[in-house]
Amino acid sequence: MKVLKGTTTVGMALKDFVVLAADRRATSGFFISHKRARKILRIDDHIAATISGYVGDAQWLVDRLRVSAALYRVNNNEPMPVSAAANVASMMLFGNRPLLIAHVLIGGVDRQGGALYSIDWLGTVTREKFTATGSGSPFAISILESSYREDMEEEEAIKLAVRAVRMALRRDPGSGEGVDIVVVDRKGYKELRGEEVYSG
């Protein structure tokens, strides 16, 4: 049976911070099942993830990543590296294929600075400077490719992420209802709404 899904998430890694953004629409086939879905989830104070695919599968994965990050912090007396969180997600997805259908972006800040990883439902991990997932990703990635710079300041990067998701909102029927943003920097995890930072 064909399953139709829709979403748009984007991520960008800069020197000392990452920006994650996502739309708010949850769909089930052609039915809009929720207009305020949370697609960016906190894993730890220094790591967050975006989710696309089957919501239940992605939420299950993020719950286990939260436990892994907490155990790592207790056992090692330091935060889990972002790469380790990406590897844990990869092992969980690979070990449960094809039962889990989720694509996650994991972004955060550790000793090495800002880092962003893309993990698909087969467990493939790639480190990215910027990327997008979901049905609206072709529209979002075109904006990121044309404007991303490694030396961007935080405010500029946030506006670019919002602009990328908003482009998908205009073109992709599976994406909609506004934009949520999360910034993870040396100070920790911070949530914003797209309406607060961009009106163009």
N, C-alpha and C. Protein backbone atom coordinates (compact mmCIF):
# COMPACT_ATOMS: atom_id res chain seq x y z
N MET A 1 0.85 -1.19 0.00
CA MET A 1 0.00 0.00 0.00
C MET A 1 0.88 1.24 0.00
N LYS A 2 0.59 2.17 -0.85
CA LYS A 2 1.37 3.40 -0.92
C LYS A 2 1.07 4.28 0.29
N VAL A 3 2.13 4.77 0.93
CA VAL A 3 1.97 5.66 2.08
C VAL A 3 2.48 7.04 1.69
N LEU A 4 1.67 8.04 1.84
CA LEU A 4 2.05 9.40 1.50
C LEU A 4 2.40 10.16 2.76
N LYS A 5 3.54 10.82 2.74
CA LYS A 5 3.99 11.58 3.91
C LYS A 5 4.44 12.95 3.44
N GLY A 6 4.46 13.90 4.37
CA GLY A 6 4.95 15.22 4.03
C GLY A 6 5.59 15.89 5.22
N THR A 7 6.66 16.60 4.96
CA THR A 7 7.31 17.39 6.01
C THR A 7 8.48 18.12 5.38
N THR A 8 9.01 19.10 6.09
CA THR A 8 10.25 19.75 5.69
C THR A 8 11.05 20.07 6.94
N THR A 9 12.27 19.57 7.01
CA THR A 9 13.18 19.96 8.08
C THR A 9 14.50 20.36 7.45
N VAL A 10 15.18 21.32 8.07
CA VAL A 10 16.50 21.74 7.60
C VAL A 10 17.45 21.84 8.78
N GLY A 11 18.72 21.71 8.48
CA GLY A 11 19.75 21.87 9.50
C GLY A 11 20.98 22.53 8.92
N MET A 12 21.66 23.32 9.75
CA MET A 12 22.91 23.96 9.35
C MET A 12 23.88 23.90 10.52
N ALA A 13 25.12 23.58 10.22
CA ALA A 13 26.17 23.56 11.23
C ALA A 13 27.14 24.70 10.96
N LEU A 14 27.37 25.50 11.98
CA LEU A 14 28.33 26.59 11.91
C LEU A 14 29.45 26.32 12.92
N LYS A 15 30.37 27.25 13.07
CA LYS A 15 31.54 27.00 13.90
C LYS A 15 31.18 26.63 15.33
N ASP A 16 30.33 27.41 15.98
CA ASP A 16 30.03 27.20 17.39
C ASP A 16 28.55 27.00 17.68
N PHE A 17 27.75 26.73 16.66
CA PHE A 17 26.32 26.52 16.89
C PHE A 17 25.71 25.78 15.70
N VAL A 18 24.53 25.25 15.92
CA VAL A 18 23.74 24.66 14.85
C VAL A 18 22.34 25.26 14.87
N VAL A 19 21.72 25.31 13.71
CA VAL A 19 20.35 25.78 13.58
C VAL A 19 19.53 24.67 12.93
N LEU A 20 18.42 24.31 13.56
CA LEU A 20 17.49 23.34 13.02
C LEU A 20 16.13 24.02 12.85
N ALA A 21 15.45 23.72 11.76
CA ALA A 21 14.14 24.32 11.52
C ALA A 21 13.22 23.29 10.88
N ALA A 22 11.92 23.43 11.12
CA ALA A 22 10.96 22.49 10.57
C ALA A 22 9.59 23.14 10.46
N ASP A 23 8.78 22.61 9.56
CA ASP A 23 7.39 23.05 9.48
C ASP A 23 6.59 22.35 10.58
N ARG A 24 5.30 22.66 10.68
CA ARG A 24 4.48 22.15 11.78
C ARG A 24 3.36 21.21 11.34
N ARG A 25 3.23 20.96 10.06
CA ARG A 25 2.10 20.17 9.56
C ARG A 25 2.41 18.67 9.63
N ALA A 26 1.48 17.90 10.20
CA ALA A 26 1.57 16.45 10.18
C ALA A 26 0.46 15.91 9.28
N THR A 27 0.84 15.04 8.36
CA THR A 27 -0.13 14.53 7.39
C THR A 27 -0.25 13.02 7.48
N SER A 28 -1.41 12.53 7.06
CA SER A 28 -1.67 11.10 6.92
C SER A 28 -2.34 10.92 5.58
N GLY A 29 -1.55 10.57 4.58
CA GLY A 29 -2.06 10.58 3.21
C GLY A 29 -2.35 12.02 2.81
N PHE A 30 -3.56 12.28 2.35
CA PHE A 30 -3.94 13.65 1.98
C PHE A 30 -4.62 14.38 3.13
N PHE A 31 -4.71 13.73 4.29
CA PHE A 31 -5.37 14.31 5.45
C PHE A 31 -4.37 15.03 6.33
N ILE A 32 -4.65 16.28 6.69
CA ILE A 32 -3.81 17.03 7.62
C ILE A 32 -4.24 16.63 9.03
N SER A 33 -3.43 15.81 9.69
CA SER A 33 -3.83 15.25 10.98
C SER A 33 -3.49 16.16 12.15
N HIS A 34 -2.54 17.07 11.96
CA HIS A 34 -2.18 17.98 13.05
C HIS A 34 -1.53 19.23 12.47
N LYS A 35 -1.84 20.39 13.06
CA LYS A 35 -1.29 21.64 12.56
C LYS A 35 -0.22 22.23 13.49
N ARG A 36 0.09 21.53 14.57
CA ARG A 36 1.10 22.04 15.50
C ARG A 36 2.04 20.91 15.93
N ALA A 37 2.41 20.08 14.98
CA ALA A 37 3.30 18.97 15.29
C ALA A 37 4.70 19.48 15.63
N ARG A 38 5.34 18.84 16.60
CA ARG A 38 6.71 19.18 16.97
C ARG A 38 7.66 18.25 16.24
N LYS A 39 8.46 18.81 15.37
CA LYS A 39 9.38 18.01 14.56
C LYS A 39 10.84 18.25 14.93
N ILE A 40 11.08 19.09 15.93
CA ILE A 40 12.43 19.29 16.46
C ILE A 40 12.38 18.94 17.94
N LEU A 41 13.17 17.96 18.32
CA LEU A 41 13.10 17.43 19.68
C LEU A 41 14.46 17.51 20.36
N ARG A 42 14.44 17.87 21.64
CA ARG A 42 15.67 17.96 22.43
C ARG A 42 16.13 16.57 22.84
N ILE A 43 17.40 16.28 22.63
CA ILE A 43 18.01 15.04 23.10
C ILE A 43 18.75 15.28 24.41
N ASP A 44 19.53 16.37 24.45
CA ASP A 44 20.25 16.78 25.66
C ASP A 44 20.40 18.30 25.56
N ASP A 45 21.01 18.91 26.54
CA ASP A 45 21.17 20.36 26.51
C ASP A 45 21.97 20.82 25.30
N HIS A 46 22.80 19.95 24.73
CA HIS A 46 23.69 20.34 23.65
C HIS A 46 23.40 19.63 22.34
N ILE A 47 22.33 18.82 22.29
CA ILE A 47 21.99 18.07 21.07
C ILE A 47 20.48 18.10 20.85
N ALA A 48 20.08 18.26 19.57
CA ALA A 48 18.67 18.18 19.19
C ALA A 48 18.55 17.39 17.90
N ALA A 49 17.34 16.99 17.58
CA ALA A 49 17.10 16.21 16.36
C ALA A 49 15.83 16.69 15.68
N THR A 50 15.85 16.67 14.35
CA THR A 50 14.62 16.85 13.58
C THR A 50 14.14 15.48 13.15
N ILE A 51 12.83 15.35 12.96
CA ILE A 51 12.26 14.06 12.56
C ILE A 51 11.42 14.20 11.31
N SER A 52 11.50 13.19 10.46
CA SER A 52 10.58 13.05 9.33
C SER A 52 10.37 11.56 9.11
N GLY A 53 9.30 11.21 8.41
CA GLY A 53 8.92 9.82 8.26
C GLY A 53 7.75 9.50 9.16
N TYR A 54 7.71 8.29 9.70
CA TYR A 54 6.63 7.89 10.61
C TYR A 54 6.87 8.50 11.98
N VAL A 55 5.91 9.25 12.46
CA VAL A 55 6.08 10.00 13.70
C VAL A 55 6.39 9.09 14.88
N GLY A 56 5.62 8.00 15.03
CA GLY A 56 5.83 7.10 16.15
C GLY A 56 7.22 6.49 16.14
N ASP A 57 7.69 6.09 14.95
CA ASP A 57 9.03 5.52 14.84
C ASP A 57 10.09 6.54 15.24
N ALA A 58 9.94 7.77 14.75
CA ALA A 58 10.92 8.81 15.04
C ALA A 58 10.93 9.17 16.52
N GLN A 59 9.75 9.24 17.13
CA GLN A 59 9.67 9.56 18.55
C GLN A 59 10.29 8.45 19.41
N TRP A 60 10.07 7.20 19.02
CA TRP A 60 10.70 6.07 19.71
C TRP A 60 12.21 6.20 19.66
N LEU A 61 12.72 6.53 18.47
CA LEU A 61 14.16 6.67 18.30
C LEU A 61 14.72 7.79 19.18
N VAL A 62 14.05 8.94 19.18
CA VAL A 62 14.52 10.08 19.97
C VAL A 62 14.48 9.75 21.46
N ASP A 63 13.46 9.04 21.92
CA ASP A 63 13.40 8.65 23.33
C ASP A 63 14.62 7.82 23.72
N ARG A 64 15.02 6.90 22.86
CA ARG A 64 16.18 6.07 23.16
C ARG A 64 17.48 6.86 23.08
N LEU A 65 17.53 7.83 22.20
CA LEU A 65 18.71 8.71 22.14
C LEU A 65 18.83 9.53 23.42
N ARG A 66 17.71 9.99 23.96
CA ARG A 66 17.73 10.73 25.22
C ARG A 66 18.29 9.87 26.35
N VAL A 67 17.86 8.63 26.41
CA VAL A 67 18.37 7.72 27.44
C VAL A 67 19.87 7.48 27.25
N SER A 68 20.29 7.27 26.01
CA SER A 68 21.70 7.03 25.73
C SER A 68 22.55 8.23 26.12
N ALA A 69 22.06 9.44 25.81
CA ALA A 69 22.80 10.65 26.16
C ALA A 69 22.90 10.83 27.67
N ALA A 70 21.81 10.53 28.37
CA ALA A 70 21.83 10.65 29.83
C ALA A 70 22.78 9.64 30.46
N LEU A 71 22.77 8.39 29.97
CA LEU A 71 23.68 7.38 30.49
C LEU A 71 25.13 7.73 30.22
N TYR A 72 25.38 8.26 29.02
CA TYR A 72 26.75 8.66 28.68
C TYR A 72 27.25 9.74 29.64
N ARG A 73 26.37 10.71 29.92
CA ARG A 73 26.75 11.80 30.82
C ARG A 73 27.06 11.28 32.22
N VAL A 74 26.25 10.33 32.70
CA VAL A 74 26.46 9.77 34.04
C VAL A 74 27.74 8.93 34.09
N ASN A 75 27.94 8.09 33.08
CA ASN A 75 29.08 7.17 33.09
C ASN A 75 30.41 7.85 32.81
N ASN A 76 30.39 8.95 32.03
CA ASN A 76 31.64 9.58 31.62
C ASN A 76 31.86 10.96 32.22
N ASN A 77 30.85 11.44 32.95
CA ASN A 77 30.93 12.75 33.59
C ASN A 77 31.19 13.86 32.58
N GLU A 78 30.65 13.70 31.38
CA GLU A 78 30.73 14.72 30.34
C GLU A 78 29.64 14.47 29.32
N PRO A 79 29.27 15.47 28.52
CA PRO A 79 28.20 15.29 27.53
C PRO A 79 28.62 14.33 26.42
N MET A 80 27.64 13.66 25.87
CA MET A 80 27.88 12.77 24.73
C MET A 80 28.30 13.58 23.50
N PRO A 81 29.36 13.18 22.79
CA PRO A 81 29.70 13.85 21.52
C PRO A 81 28.55 13.72 20.52
N VAL A 82 28.41 14.71 19.68
CA VAL A 82 27.33 14.68 18.68
C VAL A 82 27.50 13.48 17.76
N SER A 83 28.73 13.16 17.38
CA SER A 83 28.98 12.02 16.50
C SER A 83 28.53 10.71 17.15
N ALA A 84 28.68 10.60 18.46
CA ALA A 84 28.25 9.39 19.16
C ALA A 84 26.74 9.24 19.11
N ALA A 85 26.02 10.35 19.29
CA ALA A 85 24.55 10.31 19.19
C ALA A 85 24.12 9.88 17.79
N ALA A 86 24.81 10.38 16.77
CA ALA A 86 24.50 9.98 15.39
C ALA A 86 24.77 8.50 15.18
N ASN A 87 25.85 7.99 15.76
CA ASN A 87 26.16 6.56 15.61
C ASN A 87 25.15 5.68 16.32
N VAL A 88 24.68 6.12 17.50
CA VAL A 88 23.65 5.35 18.21
C VAL A 88 22.37 5.30 17.37
N ALA A 89 21.97 6.43 16.79
CA ALA A 89 20.78 6.47 15.94
C ALA A 89 20.96 5.55 14.74
N SER A 90 22.15 5.56 14.15
CA SER A 90 22.42 4.71 13.00
C SER A 90 22.28 3.24 13.36
N MET A 91 22.84 2.83 14.50
CA MET A 91 22.76 1.43 14.90
C MET A 91 21.32 1.00 15.16
N MET A 92 20.54 1.89 15.79
CA MET A 92 19.15 1.56 16.06
C MET A 92 18.34 1.41 14.77
N LEU A 93 18.55 2.31 13.82
CA LEU A 93 17.82 2.24 12.56
C LEU A 93 18.28 1.04 11.73
N PHE A 94 19.57 0.81 11.68
CA PHE A 94 20.09 -0.33 10.91
C PHE A 94 19.62 -1.64 11.52
N GLY A 95 19.65 -1.75 12.85
CA GLY A 95 19.26 -2.97 13.52
C GLY A 95 17.77 -3.27 13.43
N ASN A 96 16.96 -2.25 13.18
CA ASN A 96 15.51 -2.43 13.11
C ASN A 96 14.95 -2.25 11.70
N ARG A 97 15.82 -2.20 10.70
CA ARG A 97 15.33 -2.06 9.33
C ARG A 97 14.59 -3.32 8.92
N PRO A 98 13.54 -3.27 8.12
CA PRO A 98 12.88 -2.06 7.65
C PRO A 98 11.67 -1.68 8.52
N LEU A 99 11.72 -2.06 9.80
CA LEU A 99 10.57 -1.81 10.67
C LEU A 99 10.44 -0.35 11.07
N LEU A 100 11.57 0.35 11.21
CA LEU A 100 11.53 1.78 11.56
C LEU A 100 11.67 2.61 10.30
N ILE A 101 10.72 3.50 10.08
CA ILE A 101 10.77 4.39 8.91
C ILE A 101 10.91 5.82 9.44
N ALA A 102 12.14 6.26 9.54
CA ALA A 102 12.40 7.61 10.06
C ALA A 102 13.69 8.13 9.46
N HIS A 103 13.73 9.41 9.22
CA HIS A 103 14.93 10.11 8.77
C HIS A 103 15.15 11.25 9.77
N VAL A 104 16.31 11.26 10.40
CA VAL A 104 16.57 12.27 11.42
C VAL A 104 17.81 13.08 11.08
N LEU A 105 17.77 14.33 11.47
CA LEU A 105 18.96 15.18 11.49
C LEU A 105 19.34 15.36 12.95
N ILE A 106 20.58 15.10 13.28
CA ILE A 106 21.06 15.28 14.65
C ILE A 106 22.11 16.39 14.62
N GLY A 107 21.84 17.44 15.38
CA GLY A 107 22.75 18.58 15.41
C GLY A 107 23.05 18.98 16.84
N GLY A 108 24.26 19.46 17.06
CA GLY A 108 24.62 19.90 18.40
C GLY A 108 26.01 20.49 18.44
N VAL A 109 26.42 20.81 19.65
CA VAL A 109 27.73 21.44 19.86
C VAL A 109 28.46 20.64 20.93
N ASP A 110 29.70 20.28 20.62
CA ASP A 110 30.55 19.59 21.59
C ASP A 110 31.94 20.21 21.56
N ARG A 111 32.95 19.50 22.01
CA ARG A 111 34.31 20.05 22.05
C ARG A 111 34.83 20.46 20.67
N GLN A 112 34.31 19.79 19.64
CA GLN A 112 34.77 20.06 18.28
C GLN A 112 34.01 21.22 17.62
N GLY A 113 33.02 21.77 18.29
CA GLY A 113 32.21 22.84 17.72
C GLY A 113 30.87 22.32 17.23
N GLY A 114 30.25 23.07 16.32
CA GLY A 114 28.95 22.68 15.78
C GLY A 114 29.07 21.50 14.83
N ALA A 115 28.13 20.56 14.93
CA ALA A 115 28.15 19.38 14.05
C ALA A 115 26.72 19.00 13.69
N LEU A 116 26.56 18.53 12.45
CA LEU A 116 25.25 18.12 11.95
C LEU A 116 25.39 16.80 11.20
N TYR A 117 24.52 15.84 11.53
CA TYR A 117 24.54 14.53 10.89
C TYR A 117 23.15 14.19 10.37
N SER A 118 23.13 13.57 9.21
CA SER A 118 21.89 13.08 8.62
C SER A 118 21.90 11.55 8.69
N ILE A 119 20.83 10.96 9.23
CA ILE A 119 20.73 9.51 9.35
C ILE A 119 19.43 9.07 8.70
N ASP A 120 19.52 8.25 7.64
CA ASP A 120 18.31 7.81 6.96
C ASP A 120 17.77 6.53 7.58
N TRP A 121 16.65 6.03 7.07
CA TRP A 121 15.96 4.91 7.70
C TRP A 121 16.71 3.59 7.59
N LEU A 122 17.76 3.53 6.74
CA LEU A 122 18.61 2.35 6.67
C LEU A 122 19.82 2.44 7.59
N GLY A 123 19.96 3.58 8.26
CA GLY A 123 21.08 3.77 9.18
C GLY A 123 22.29 4.44 8.58
N THR A 124 22.19 4.90 7.35
CA THR A 124 23.32 5.58 6.70
C THR A 124 23.55 6.93 7.37
N VAL A 125 24.81 7.19 7.75
CA VAL A 125 25.16 8.44 8.43
C VAL A 125 26.05 9.28 7.51
N THR A 126 25.70 10.54 7.36
CA THR A 126 26.58 11.48 6.66
C THR A 126 26.70 12.75 7.48
N ARG A 127 27.92 13.29 7.56
CA ARG A 127 28.09 14.57 8.22
C ARG A 127 27.88 15.67 7.19
N GLU A 128 27.11 16.68 7.56
CA GLU A 128 26.72 17.73 6.62
C GLU A 128 27.02 19.11 7.20
N LYS A 129 27.28 20.06 6.31
CA LYS A 129 27.32 21.46 6.72
C LYS A 129 25.91 22.04 6.72
N PHE A 130 25.12 21.60 5.76
CA PHE A 130 23.70 21.96 5.71
C PHE A 130 22.97 20.88 4.94
N THR A 131 21.71 20.67 5.26
CA THR A 131 20.91 19.68 4.53
C THR A 131 19.44 19.86 4.86
N ALA A 132 18.59 19.10 4.18
CA ALA A 132 17.16 19.14 4.41
C ALA A 132 16.59 17.74 4.23
N THR A 133 15.46 17.46 4.90
CA THR A 133 14.79 16.18 4.74
C THR A 133 13.31 16.41 4.49
N GLY A 134 12.63 15.36 4.05
CA GLY A 134 11.20 15.42 3.86
C GLY A 134 10.78 15.78 2.45
N SER A 135 9.47 15.78 2.22
CA SER A 135 8.93 16.01 0.89
C SER A 135 9.23 17.40 0.36
N GLY A 136 9.43 18.37 1.27
CA GLY A 136 9.74 19.73 0.83
C GLY A 136 11.22 20.00 0.71
N SER A 137 12.06 18.98 0.91
CA SER A 137 13.51 19.21 0.93
C SER A 137 14.09 19.75 -0.38
N PRO A 138 13.60 19.34 -1.56
CA PRO A 138 14.18 19.92 -2.78
C PRO A 138 14.05 21.44 -2.86
N PHE A 139 12.95 21.97 -2.31
CA PHE A 139 12.75 23.41 -2.34
C PHE A 139 13.63 24.10 -1.29
N ALA A 140 13.71 23.48 -0.11
CA ALA A 140 14.51 24.07 0.97
C ALA A 140 16.00 24.04 0.65
N ILE A 141 16.47 22.94 0.07
CA ILE A 141 17.90 22.81 -0.16
C ILE A 141 18.39 23.82 -1.20
N SER A 142 17.52 24.20 -2.12
CA SER A 142 17.93 25.18 -3.13
C SER A 142 18.25 26.52 -2.48
N ILE A 143 17.50 26.89 -1.45
CA ILE A 143 17.76 28.13 -0.73
C ILE A 143 19.05 28.02 0.07
N LEU A 144 19.24 26.90 0.75
CA LEU A 144 20.46 26.71 1.54
C LEU A 144 21.70 26.73 0.66
N GLU A 145 21.65 26.04 -0.47
CA GLU A 145 22.81 25.98 -1.35
C GLU A 145 23.22 27.35 -1.88
N SER A 146 22.24 28.20 -2.10
CA SER A 146 22.54 29.51 -2.68
C SER A 146 23.05 30.52 -1.67
N SER A 147 22.78 30.30 -0.37
CA SER A 147 23.08 31.36 0.61
C SER A 147 23.92 30.92 1.80
N TYR A 148 24.13 29.63 2.02
CA TYR A 148 24.89 29.18 3.19
C TYR A 148 26.35 29.62 3.11
N ARG A 149 26.87 30.11 4.24
CA ARG A 149 28.30 30.42 4.37
C ARG A 149 28.76 29.91 5.74
N GLU A 150 29.98 29.41 5.81
CA GLU A 150 30.48 28.87 7.07
C GLU A 150 30.70 29.94 8.13
N ASP A 151 30.82 31.21 7.71
CA ASP A 151 31.10 32.28 8.66
C ASP A 151 29.84 33.06 9.06
N MET A 152 28.67 32.49 8.83
CA MET A 152 27.42 33.19 9.15
C MET A 152 27.29 33.42 10.65
N GLU A 153 26.73 34.58 11.02
CA GLU A 153 26.39 34.84 12.41
C GLU A 153 25.06 34.15 12.72
N GLU A 154 24.75 34.02 14.01
CA GLU A 154 23.59 33.25 14.42
C GLU A 154 22.29 33.83 13.86
N GLU A 155 22.10 35.12 13.94
CA GLU A 155 20.86 35.72 13.46
C GLU A 155 20.68 35.50 11.96
N GLU A 156 21.76 35.63 11.21
CA GLU A 156 21.70 35.44 9.77
C GLU A 156 21.36 33.98 9.43
N ALA A 157 21.94 33.05 10.17
CA ALA A 157 21.70 31.63 9.93
C ALA A 157 20.24 31.27 10.25
N ILE A 158 19.72 31.83 11.32
CA ILE A 158 18.32 31.57 11.68
C ILE A 158 17.38 32.04 10.57
N LYS A 159 17.62 33.24 10.07
CA LYS A 159 16.77 33.78 9.01
C LYS A 159 16.85 32.94 7.74
N LEU A 160 18.05 32.43 7.44
CA LEU A 160 18.20 31.57 6.26
C LEU A 160 17.42 30.27 6.44
N ALA A 161 17.50 29.67 7.62
CA ALA A 161 16.76 28.43 7.87
C ALA A 161 15.26 28.64 7.73
N VAL A 162 14.76 29.74 8.27
CA VAL A 162 13.33 30.05 8.16
C VAL A 162 12.96 30.27 6.70
N ARG A 163 13.78 30.98 5.97
CA ARG A 163 13.50 31.24 4.56
C ARG A 163 13.44 29.93 3.76
N ALA A 164 14.33 29.00 4.08
CA ALA A 164 14.36 27.71 3.38
C ALA A 164 13.07 26.92 3.63
N VAL A 165 12.64 26.87 4.88
CA VAL A 165 11.41 26.13 5.18
C VAL A 165 10.20 26.84 4.58
N ARG A 166 10.20 28.16 4.63
CA ARG A 166 9.07 28.90 4.07
C ARG A 166 8.94 28.69 2.56
N MET A 167 10.06 28.50 1.87
CA MET A 167 9.99 28.19 0.45
C MET A 167 9.29 26.86 0.23
N ALA A 168 9.60 25.87 1.07
CA ALA A 168 8.91 24.58 0.97
C ALA A 168 7.42 24.72 1.29
N LEU A 169 7.09 25.56 2.26
CA LEU A 169 5.68 25.77 2.60
C LEU A 169 4.90 26.29 1.41
N ARG A 170 5.54 27.10 0.58
CA ARG A 170 4.86 27.67 -0.59
C ARG A 170 4.66 26.64 -1.70
N ARG A 171 5.58 25.66 -1.79
CA ARG A 171 5.61 24.76 -2.94
C ARG A 171 5.17 23.33 -2.66
N ASP A 172 5.28 22.89 -1.41
CA ASP A 172 5.02 21.49 -1.07
C ASP A 172 3.73 21.36 -0.28
N PRO A 173 2.73 20.64 -0.79
CA PRO A 173 1.45 20.54 -0.07
C PRO A 173 1.55 19.73 1.22
N GLY A 174 2.60 18.94 1.39
CA GLY A 174 2.78 18.18 2.62
C GLY A 174 3.37 18.97 3.76
N SER A 175 3.81 20.20 3.49
CA SER A 175 4.43 21.05 4.51
C SER A 175 3.56 22.27 4.74
N GLY A 176 3.52 22.76 5.97
CA GLY A 176 2.70 23.94 6.22
C GLY A 176 2.60 24.30 7.68
N GLU A 177 1.78 25.29 7.96
CA GLU A 177 1.40 25.75 9.30
C GLU A 177 2.47 26.53 10.03
N GLY A 178 3.51 27.01 9.35
CA GLY A 178 4.52 27.82 10.01
C GLY A 178 5.82 27.09 10.25
N VAL A 179 6.72 27.77 10.95
CA VAL A 179 8.10 27.27 11.11
C VAL A 179 8.50 27.32 12.58
N ASP A 180 9.11 26.23 13.05
CA ASP A 180 9.75 26.20 14.36
C ASP A 180 11.26 26.15 14.17
N ILE A 181 11.99 26.77 15.08
CA ILE A 181 13.45 26.82 14.99
C ILE A 181 14.05 26.45 16.34
N VAL A 182 15.14 25.73 16.29
CA VAL A 182 15.94 25.47 17.48
C VAL A 182 17.38 25.85 17.18
N VAL A 183 17.99 26.57 18.12
CA VAL A 183 19.41 26.89 18.05
C VAL A 183 20.10 26.20 19.21
N VAL A 184 21.17 25.48 18.91
CA VAL A 184 22.00 24.88 19.94
C VAL A 184 23.39 25.51 19.83
N ASP A 185 23.80 26.17 20.92
CA ASP A 185 25.12 26.80 20.94
C ASP A 185 25.82 26.48 22.25
N ARG A 186 26.90 27.19 22.54
CA ARG A 186 27.66 26.91 23.77
C ARG A 186 26.83 27.15 25.02
N LYS A 187 25.77 27.95 24.91
CA LYS A 187 24.91 28.23 26.06
C LYS A 187 23.82 27.19 26.25
N GLY A 188 23.59 26.35 25.23
CA GLY A 188 22.57 25.32 25.35
C GLY A 188 21.53 25.37 24.26
N TYR A 189 20.34 24.85 24.58
CA TYR A 189 19.24 24.62 23.65
C TYR A 189 18.24 25.77 23.74
N LYS A 190 17.85 26.33 22.59
CA LYS A 190 16.93 27.47 22.58
C LYS A 190 15.90 27.29 21.47
N GLU A 191 14.62 27.45 21.80
CA GLU A 191 13.54 27.32 20.83
C GLU A 191 13.02 28.69 20.41
N LEU A 192 12.71 28.83 19.11
CA LEU A 192 12.14 30.06 18.56
C LEU A 192 11.00 29.69 17.62
N ARG A 193 10.20 30.68 17.30
CA ARG A 193 9.18 30.53 16.26
C ARG A 193 9.57 31.39 15.08
N GLY A 194 9.30 30.87 13.88
CA GLY A 194 9.68 31.58 12.67
C GLY A 194 9.08 32.97 12.60
N GLU A 195 7.88 33.13 13.12
CA GLU A 195 7.23 34.43 13.06
C GLU A 195 7.96 35.49 13.86
N GLU A 196 8.79 35.05 14.82
CA GLU A 196 9.51 35.99 15.66
C GLU A 196 10.75 36.56 14.97
N VAL A 197 11.24 35.85 13.95
CA VAL A 197 12.54 36.24 13.39
C VAL A 197 12.49 36.61 11.91
N TYR A 198 11.37 36.33 11.25
CA TYR A 198 11.33 36.56 9.81
C TYR A 198 9.91 36.88 9.36
N SER A 199 9.74 37.96 8.68
CA SER A 199 8.41 38.33 8.22
C SER A 199 8.36 38.52 6.72
N GLY A 200 9.47 38.25 6.02
CA GLY A 200 9.51 38.46 4.58
C GLY A 200 8.95 37.32 3.77
